[in-house]
Amino acid sequence: MKSLYYYLSALFLTVFLVSCQTQTAQKPTTDITGKTWKLTELNGQPIKLKNPKSNPYFKLDMNGMRYEGNAGCNGLGGTFEIKQDVMRIKFNQGMSTMMACEDLDIENQFTKAILAADNYSVNGNTLTLNKARMAPLAKFVLE
């Protein structure tokens, strides 16, 4: 009976230690590709849209290294370069439609922030685009 008790105790301890080790070994993902990122802040300020249904967003596609999205009214797209191991990113000037829009100021700031960004950070479901070590240019959440 004692040997069964010791055996079960050792088994429980092993399972416990393995589960703890597995949880600490998992790194949070910094892969921002293949996901849709919805804009929440520009230059440290929450965005205020006249039409909340036209929230700016973008998505990165590793096939062809292309980004695509919507700046609120106008579509945008182009190519990008990314180094995920050091969290560096560069959006290249691309194309955009040119319709007149209600939130044109936010649209222009959004486009400028993307093109100015040279690095990013991820905290849970929040992506921040940054320029050097300055304050964040833009914040996004997973859609």
C-alpha atoms as a PDB file:
ATOM      1  CA  MET A   1       0.000   0.000   0.000  1.00  0.00           C
ATOM      2  CA  LYS A   2       2.852   2.366   0.835  1.00  0.00           C
ATOM      3  CA  SER A   3       4.513   1.714  -2.526  1.00  0.00           C
ATOM      4  CA  LEU A   4       1.236   2.582  -4.314  1.00  0.00           C
ATOM      5  CA  TYR A   5       1.042   5.827  -2.335  1.00  0.00           C
ATOM      6  CA  TYR A   6       4.643   6.727  -3.234  1.00  0.00           C
ATOM      7  CA  TYR A   7       4.048   5.790  -6.875  1.00  0.00           C
ATOM      8  CA  LEU A   8       0.930   8.015  -7.114  1.00  0.00           C
ATOM      9  CA  SER A   9       2.697  10.870  -5.329  1.00  0.00           C
ATOM     10  CA  ALA A  10       5.646  10.656  -7.720  1.00  0.00           C
ATOM     11  CA  LEU A  11       3.280  10.529 -10.719  1.00  0.00           C
ATOM     12  CA  PHE A  12       1.338  13.574  -9.479  1.00  0.00           C
ATOM     13  CA  LEU A  13       4.559  15.512  -8.844  1.00  0.00           C
ATOM     14  CA  THR A  14       5.906  14.645 -12.303  1.00  0.00           C
ATOM     15  CA  VAL A  15       2.681  15.751 -14.020  1.00  0.00           C
ATOM     16  CA  PHE A  16       2.662  18.964 -12.000  1.00  0.00           C
ATOM     17  CA  LEU A  17       6.300  19.804 -12.823  1.00  0.00           C
ATOM     18  CA  VAL A  18       5.852  19.043 -16.531  1.00  0.00           C
ATOM     19  CA  SER A  19       2.737  21.221 -16.748  1.00  0.00           C
ATOM     20  CA  CYS A  20       4.526  24.102 -15.007  1.00  0.00           C
ATOM     21  CA  GLN A  21       7.515  23.752 -17.312  1.00  0.00           C
ATOM     22  CA  THR A  22       5.280  23.660 -20.408  1.00  0.00           C
ATOM     23  CA  GLN A  23       3.497  26.858 -19.387  1.00  0.00           C
ATOM     24  CA  THR A  24       6.709  28.770 -18.801  1.00  0.00           C
ATOM     25  CA  ALA A  25       8.321  27.454 -21.982  1.00  0.00           C
ATOM     26  CA  GLN A  26       5.566  28.869 -24.209  1.00  0.00           C
ATOM     27  CA  LYS A  27       6.507  32.286 -25.542  1.00  0.00           C
ATOM     28  CA  PRO A  28       3.807  34.785 -26.361  1.00  0.00           C
ATOM     29  CA  THR A  29       3.517  35.126 -30.116  1.00  0.00           C
ATOM     30  CA  THR A  30       4.790  38.222 -31.828  1.00  0.00           C
ATOM     31  CA  ASP A  31       3.538  37.085 -35.240  1.00  0.00           C
ATOM     32  CA  ILE A  32       1.277  39.879 -36.447  1.00  0.00           C
ATOM     33  CA  THR A  33       0.761  38.487 -39.953  1.00  0.00           C
ATOM     34  CA  GLY A  34      -2.455  36.966 -41.250  1.00  0.00           C
ATOM     35  CA  LYS A  35      -4.543  38.883 -38.715  1.00  0.00           C
ATOM     36  CA  THR A  36      -6.809  41.901 -39.065  1.00  0.00           C
ATOM     37  CA  TRP A  37      -5.735  44.823 -36.875  1.00  0.00           C
ATOM     38  CA  LYS A  38      -8.340  47.498 -36.078  1.00  0.00           C
ATOM     39  CA  LEU A  39      -7.150  51.026 -35.207  1.00  0.00           C
ATOM     40  CA  THR A  40      -7.943  52.282 -31.681  1.00  0.00           C
ATOM     41  CA  GLU A  41      -5.464  55.153 -31.107  1.00  0.00           C
ATOM     42  CA  LEU A  42      -3.435  57.632 -33.115  1.00  0.00           C
ATOM     43  CA  ASN A  43      -0.553  59.560 -31.547  1.00  0.00           C
ATOM     44  CA  GLY A  44      -1.646  58.538 -28.045  1.00  0.00           C
ATOM     45  CA  GLN A  45      -5.281  59.645 -28.480  1.00  0.00           C
ATOM     46  CA  PRO A  46      -8.321  57.375 -28.918  1.00  0.00           C
ATOM     47  CA  ILE A  47      -9.801  57.809 -32.372  1.00  0.00           C
ATOM     48  CA  LYS A  48     -13.152  59.566 -32.637  1.00  0.00           C
ATOM     49  CA  LEU A  49     -14.987  58.528 -35.772  1.00  0.00           C
ATOM     50  CA  LYS A  50     -18.070  60.214 -37.184  1.00  0.00           C
ATOM     51  CA  ASN A  51     -19.035  56.808 -38.560  1.00  0.00           C
ATOM     52  CA  PRO A  52     -17.865  54.012 -36.181  1.00  0.00           C
ATOM     53  CA  LYS A  53     -18.604  51.403 -38.863  1.00  0.00           C
ATOM     54  CA  SER A  54     -15.713  52.790 -40.927  1.00  0.00           C
ATOM     55  CA  ASN A  55     -12.959  51.935 -38.442  1.00  0.00           C
ATOM     56  CA  PRO A  56      -9.529  51.837 -40.138  1.00  0.00           C
ATOM     57  CA  TYR A  57      -7.766  48.463 -40.228  1.00  0.00           C
ATOM     58  CA  PHE A  58      -4.994  46.570 -41.979  1.00  0.00           C
ATOM     59  CA  LYS A  59      -3.824  43.019 -42.540  1.00  0.00           C
ATOM     60  CA  LEU A  60      -0.372  41.666 -43.432  1.00  0.00           C
ATOM     61  CA  ASP A  61      -0.084  38.835 -45.959  1.00  0.00           C
ATOM     62  CA  MET A  62       3.246  37.004 -46.059  1.00  0.00           C
ATOM     63  CA  ASN A  63       2.448  35.775 -49.593  1.00  0.00           C
ATOM     64  CA  GLY A  64       3.995  38.516 -51.680  1.00  0.00           C
ATOM     65  CA  MET A  65       4.761  40.533 -48.520  1.00  0.00           C
ATOM     66  CA  ARG A  66       1.669  42.702 -49.048  1.00  0.00           C
ATOM     67  CA  TYR A  67      -0.456  44.756 -46.695  1.00  0.00           C
ATOM     68  CA  GLU A  68      -4.039  45.708 -47.363  1.00  0.00           C
ATOM     69  CA  GLY A  69      -6.683  47.517 -45.440  1.00  0.00           C
ATOM     70  CA  ASN A  70      -9.017  50.411 -45.220  1.00  0.00           C
ATOM     71  CA  ALA A  71      -8.136  53.832 -43.873  1.00  0.00           C
ATOM     72  CA  GLY A  72     -11.771  54.460 -42.921  1.00  0.00           C
ATOM     73  CA  CYS A  73     -13.221  55.218 -46.323  1.00  0.00           C
ATOM     74  CA  ASN A  74     -10.476  54.560 -48.831  1.00  0.00           C
ATOM     75  CA  GLY A  75      -8.811  51.240 -49.410  1.00  0.00           C
ATOM     76  CA  LEU A  76      -5.042  51.049 -49.173  1.00  0.00           C
ATOM     77  CA  GLY A  77      -2.398  48.504 -49.919  1.00  0.00           C
ATOM     78  CA  GLY A  78       1.230  47.987 -50.746  1.00  0.00           C
ATOM     79  CA  THR A  79       4.257  45.954 -49.771  1.00  0.00           C
ATOM     80  CA  PHE A  80       6.005  45.645 -46.437  1.00  0.00           C
ATOM     81  CA  GLU A  81       9.182  44.258 -44.934  1.00  0.00           C
ATOM     82  CA  ILE A  82       9.267  42.584 -41.545  1.00  0.00           C
ATOM     83  CA  LYS A  83      11.890  41.120 -39.219  1.00  0.00           C
ATOM     84  CA  GLN A  84       9.812  39.383 -36.561  1.00  0.00           C
ATOM     85  CA  ASP A  85      12.789  38.293 -34.450  1.00  0.00           C
ATOM     86  CA  VAL A  86      13.667  41.963 -33.738  1.00  0.00           C
ATOM     87  CA  MET A  87      10.128  43.340 -34.239  1.00  0.00           C
ATOM     88  CA  ARG A  88      11.088  45.673 -37.085  1.00  0.00           C
ATOM     89  CA  ILE A  89       8.636  46.617 -39.825  1.00  0.00           C
ATOM     90  CA  LYS A  90       8.571  48.921 -42.825  1.00  0.00           C
ATOM     91  CA  PHE A  91       5.503  49.725 -44.871  1.00  0.00           C
ATOM     92  CA  ASN A  92       6.317  50.844 -48.406  1.00  0.00           C
ATOM     93  CA  GLN A  93       4.274  53.545 -50.124  1.00  0.00           C
ATOM     94  CA  GLY A  94       1.484  51.765 -51.919  1.00  0.00           C
ATOM     95  CA  MET A  95      -1.769  52.666 -53.528  1.00  0.00           C
ATOM     96  CA  SER A  96      -4.992  54.081 -52.186  1.00  0.00           C
ATOM     97  CA  THR A  97      -8.385  54.975 -53.534  1.00  0.00           C
ATOM     98  CA  MET A  98      -9.183  58.682 -53.379  1.00  0.00           C
ATOM     99  CA  MET A  99     -12.819  59.160 -52.385  1.00  0.00           C
ATOM    100  CA  ALA A 100     -13.976  62.133 -50.306  1.00  0.00           C
ATOM    101  CA  CYS A 101     -14.660  60.964 -46.753  1.00  0.00           C
ATOM    102  CA  GLU A 102     -16.114  62.197 -43.456  1.00  0.00           C
ATOM    103  CA  ASP A 103     -13.089  61.220 -41.370  1.00  0.00           C
ATOM    104  CA  LEU A 104     -10.406  62.351 -43.802  1.00  0.00           C
ATOM    105  CA  ASP A 105      -8.183  63.742 -41.005  1.00  0.00           C
ATOM    106  CA  ILE A 106      -8.067  60.360 -39.230  1.00  0.00           C
ATOM    107  CA  GLU A 107      -7.525  58.662 -42.569  1.00  0.00           C
ATOM    108  CA  ASN A 108      -4.522  60.877 -43.333  1.00  0.00           C
ATOM    109  CA  GLN A 109      -3.037  60.378 -39.843  1.00  0.00           C
ATOM    110  CA  PHE A 110      -3.554  56.597 -40.117  1.00  0.00           C
ATOM    111  CA  THR A 111      -1.729  56.457 -43.463  1.00  0.00           C
ATOM    112  CA  LYS A 112       1.124  58.646 -42.185  1.00  0.00           C
ATOM    113  CA  ALA A 113       1.511  56.496 -39.050  1.00  0.00           C
ATOM    114  CA  ILE A 114       1.771  53.277 -41.049  1.00  0.00           C
ATOM    115  CA  LEU A 115       4.349  54.734 -43.433  1.00  0.00           C
ATOM    116  CA  ALA A 116       6.403  56.266 -40.597  1.00  0.00           C
ATOM    117  CA  ALA A 117       6.540  53.110 -38.444  1.00  0.00           C
ATOM    118  CA  ASP A 118       9.836  51.261 -38.222  1.00  0.00           C
ATOM    119  CA  ASN A 119       9.127  48.873 -35.338  1.00  0.00           C
ATOM    120  CA  TYR A 120       6.236  47.323 -33.460  1.00  0.00           C
ATOM    121  CA  SER A 121       5.341  45.752 -30.154  1.00  0.00           C
ATOM    122  CA  VAL A 122       2.669  43.259 -29.185  1.00  0.00           C
ATOM    123  CA  ASN A 123       1.002  43.023 -25.798  1.00  0.00           C
ATOM    124  CA  GLY A 124      -1.725  40.385 -25.779  1.00  0.00           C
ATOM    125  CA  ASN A 125      -4.226  41.387 -28.476  1.00  0.00           C
ATOM    126  CA  THR A 126      -2.792  44.893 -28.852  1.00  0.00           C
ATOM    127  CA  LEU A 127      -0.358  45.890 -31.585  1.00  0.00           C
ATOM    128  CA  THR A 128       1.552  49.166 -31.389  1.00  0.00           C
ATOM    129  CA  LEU A 129       3.349  50.706 -34.357  1.00  0.00           C
ATOM    130  CA  ASN A 130       6.288  52.875 -33.330  1.00  0.00           C
ATOM    131  CA  LYS A 131       8.970  55.117 -34.779  1.00  0.00           C
ATOM    132  CA  ALA A 132      12.357  54.702 -33.087  1.00  0.00           C
ATOM    133  CA  ARG A 133      11.866  55.124 -29.316  1.00  0.00           C
ATOM    134  CA  MET A 134       9.258  57.855 -29.581  1.00  0.00           C
ATOM    135  CA  ALA A 135       5.706  57.565 -28.294  1.00  0.00           C
ATOM    136  CA  PRO A 136       3.532  55.077 -30.204  1.00  0.00           C
ATOM    137  CA  LEU A 137       2.254  56.256 -33.568  1.00  0.00           C
ATOM    138  CA  ALA A 138      -0.793  53.991 -33.584  1.00  0.00           C
ATOM    139  CA  LYS A 139      -2.432  51.236 -31.542  1.00  0.00           C
ATOM    140  CA  PHE A 140      -4.553  48.404 -32.897  1.00  0.00           C
ATOM    141  CA  VAL A 141      -6.544  45.487 -31.516  1.00  0.00           C
ATOM    142  CA  LEU A 142      -7.299  42.171 -33.129  1.00  0.00           C
ATOM    143  CA  GLU A 143     -10.595  42.288 -34.949  1.00  0.00           C
END
